Amino acid sequence: FQYLRRFDQGHNLDTFCYKAHSVEGSPAECLQLFLLHCGITDPSWAELRNFSCFLNVQLRDCEASVFCNPDFVEDTLQGF
């Protein structure tokens, strides 16, 4: 949710890192962003859950990757 929220607001996500204990937005805003970005018209709860779990795994791996570390790649892979 934190990534999707910043993406929609046009923030640079290259330097953002998820904060587990940071509460942002409302449950309604979270659901609205998931519905907007999941890519399925009228998704079921299971499809929304799968989307959020998949996105979570992908973003966790991205944060752990040296290729996505802005200190390492500098401007070579900006936006990767």
C-alpha atoms as a PDB file:
ATOM      1  CA  PHE A   1       0.000   0.000   0.000  1.00  0.00           C
ATOM      2  CA  GLN A   2       2.807   2.419   0.852  1.00  0.00           C
ATOM      3  CA  TYR A   3       4.384   1.895  -2.581  1.00  0.00           C
ATOM      4  CA  LEU A   4       1.085   2.160  -4.479  1.00  0.00           C
ATOM      5  CA  ARG A   5       0.160   5.299  -2.584  1.00  0.00           C
ATOM      6  CA  ARG A   6       3.462   6.998  -3.387  1.00  0.00           C
ATOM      7  CA  PHE A   7       3.311   5.786  -7.000  1.00  0.00           C
ATOM      8  CA  ASP A   8      -0.100   7.416  -7.469  1.00  0.00           C
ATOM      9  CA  GLN A   9       1.174  10.632  -5.884  1.00  0.00           C
ATOM     10  CA  GLY A  10       4.072  10.734  -8.379  1.00  0.00           C
ATOM     11  CA  HIS A  11       6.855  10.244  -5.815  1.00  0.00           C
ATOM     12  CA  ASN A  12      10.245   8.789  -6.731  1.00  0.00           C
ATOM     13  CA  LEU A  13      10.178   5.177  -5.519  1.00  0.00           C
ATOM     14  CA  ASP A  14      13.898   4.567  -6.101  1.00  0.00           C
ATOM     15  CA  THR A  15      14.830   5.742  -2.618  1.00  0.00           C
ATOM     16  CA  PHE A  16      11.695   4.636  -0.753  1.00  0.00           C
ATOM     17  CA  CYS A  17      11.887   1.695   1.651  1.00  0.00           C
ATOM     18  CA  TYR A  18       8.860   0.047   3.272  1.00  0.00           C
ATOM     19  CA  LYS A  19       8.316   0.884   6.925  1.00  0.00           C
ATOM     20  CA  ALA A  20       6.545  -1.963   8.730  1.00  0.00           C
ATOM     21  CA  HIS A  21       5.425   0.009  11.765  1.00  0.00           C
ATOM     22  CA  SER A  22       4.288   3.082   9.870  1.00  0.00           C
ATOM     23  CA  VAL A  23       0.505   3.428   9.617  1.00  0.00           C
ATOM     24  CA  GLU A  24      -0.607   5.381   6.574  1.00  0.00           C
ATOM     25  CA  GLY A  25      -4.000   6.076   5.083  1.00  0.00           C
ATOM     26  CA  SER A  26      -7.220   4.266   5.842  1.00  0.00           C
ATOM     27  CA  PRO A  27      -8.438   0.740   5.111  1.00  0.00           C
ATOM     28  CA  ALA A  28     -10.807   2.237   2.536  1.00  0.00           C
ATOM     29  CA  GLU A  29      -7.920   3.976   0.732  1.00  0.00           C
ATOM     30  CA  CYS A  30      -5.904   0.751   0.769  1.00  0.00           C
ATOM     31  CA  LEU A  31      -8.789  -1.209  -0.743  1.00  0.00           C
ATOM     32  CA  GLN A  32      -9.356   1.495  -3.343  1.00  0.00           C
ATOM     33  CA  LEU A  33      -5.701   1.386  -4.451  1.00  0.00           C
ATOM     34  CA  PHE A  34      -5.711  -2.414  -4.618  1.00  0.00           C
ATOM     35  CA  LEU A  35      -8.860  -2.330  -6.738  1.00  0.00           C
ATOM     36  CA  LEU A  36      -7.333   0.302  -9.001  1.00  0.00           C
ATOM     37  CA  HIS A  37      -4.015  -1.492  -9.538  1.00  0.00           C
ATOM     38  CA  CYS A  38      -4.837  -5.209  -9.435  1.00  0.00           C
ATOM     39  CA  GLY A  39      -5.668  -5.298 -13.146  1.00  0.00           C
ATOM     40  CA  ILE A  40      -8.910  -7.254 -12.805  1.00  0.00           C
ATOM     41  CA  THR A  41     -12.360  -5.763 -13.265  1.00  0.00           C
ATOM     42  CA  ASP A  42     -14.505  -6.598 -10.238  1.00  0.00           C
ATOM     43  CA  PRO A  43     -11.969  -8.866  -8.470  1.00  0.00           C
ATOM     44  CA  SER A  44     -12.904 -11.315  -5.745  1.00  0.00           C
ATOM     45  CA  TRP A  45     -11.397 -11.087  -2.253  1.00  0.00           C
ATOM     46  CA  ALA A  46      -9.127 -14.015  -3.141  1.00  0.00           C
ATOM     47  CA  GLU A  47      -7.849 -12.202  -6.237  1.00  0.00           C
ATOM     48  CA  LEU A  48      -7.154  -9.055  -4.195  1.00  0.00           C
ATOM     49  CA  ARG A  49      -5.356 -11.133  -1.586  1.00  0.00           C
ATOM     50  CA  ASN A  50      -3.249 -12.850  -4.253  1.00  0.00           C
ATOM     51  CA  PHE A  51      -2.426  -9.476  -5.823  1.00  0.00           C
ATOM     52  CA  SER A  52      -1.340  -7.976  -2.495  1.00  0.00           C
ATOM     53  CA  CYS A  53       0.720 -11.055  -1.547  1.00  0.00           C
ATOM     54  CA  PHE A  54       2.422 -11.164  -4.960  1.00  0.00           C
ATOM     55  CA  LEU A  55       3.153  -7.432  -4.862  1.00  0.00           C
ATOM     56  CA  ASN A  56       4.526  -7.747  -1.333  1.00  0.00           C
ATOM     57  CA  VAL A  57       6.932 -10.539  -2.330  1.00  0.00           C
ATOM     58  CA  GLN A  58       8.088  -8.673  -5.438  1.00  0.00           C
ATOM     59  CA  LEU A  59       8.704  -5.427  -3.556  1.00  0.00           C
ATOM     60  CA  ARG A  60      10.504  -7.215  -0.704  1.00  0.00           C
ATOM     61  CA  ASP A  61      12.803  -8.882  -3.238  1.00  0.00           C
ATOM     62  CA  CYS A  62      13.327  -5.567  -5.004  1.00  0.00           C
ATOM     63  CA  GLU A  63      14.355  -3.863  -1.754  1.00  0.00           C
ATOM     64  CA  ALA A  64      16.831  -6.679  -1.068  1.00  0.00           C
ATOM     65  CA  SER A  65      18.352  -6.613  -4.580  1.00  0.00           C
ATOM     66  CA  VAL A  66      21.652  -4.846  -5.097  1.00  0.00           C
ATOM     67  CA  PHE A  67      20.447  -3.902  -8.592  1.00  0.00           C
ATOM     68  CA  CYS A  68      17.665  -1.796  -7.053  1.00  0.00           C
ATOM     69  CA  ASN A  69      19.872  -0.113  -4.453  1.00  0.00           C
ATOM     70  CA  PRO A  70      20.198   3.553  -5.497  1.00  0.00           C
ATOM     71  CA  ASP A  71      23.526   3.841  -3.650  1.00  0.00           C
ATOM     72  CA  PHE A  72      24.983   1.039  -5.781  1.00  0.00           C
ATOM     73  CA  VAL A  73      23.556   1.706  -9.230  1.00  0.00           C
ATOM     74  CA  GLU A  74      23.314   5.498  -8.852  1.00  0.00           C
ATOM     75  CA  ASP A  75      21.662   6.869 -12.012  1.00  0.00           C
ATOM     76  CA  THR A  76      22.575   3.923 -14.257  1.00  0.00           C
ATOM     77  CA  LEU A  77      19.300   2.047 -13.684  1.00  0.00           C
ATOM     78  CA  GLN A  78      17.109   4.903 -12.460  1.00  0.00           C
ATOM     79  CA  GLY A  79      13.489   3.789 -12.135  1.00  0.00           C
ATOM     80  CA  PHE A  80      14.376   0.108 -12.535  1.00  0.00           C
END
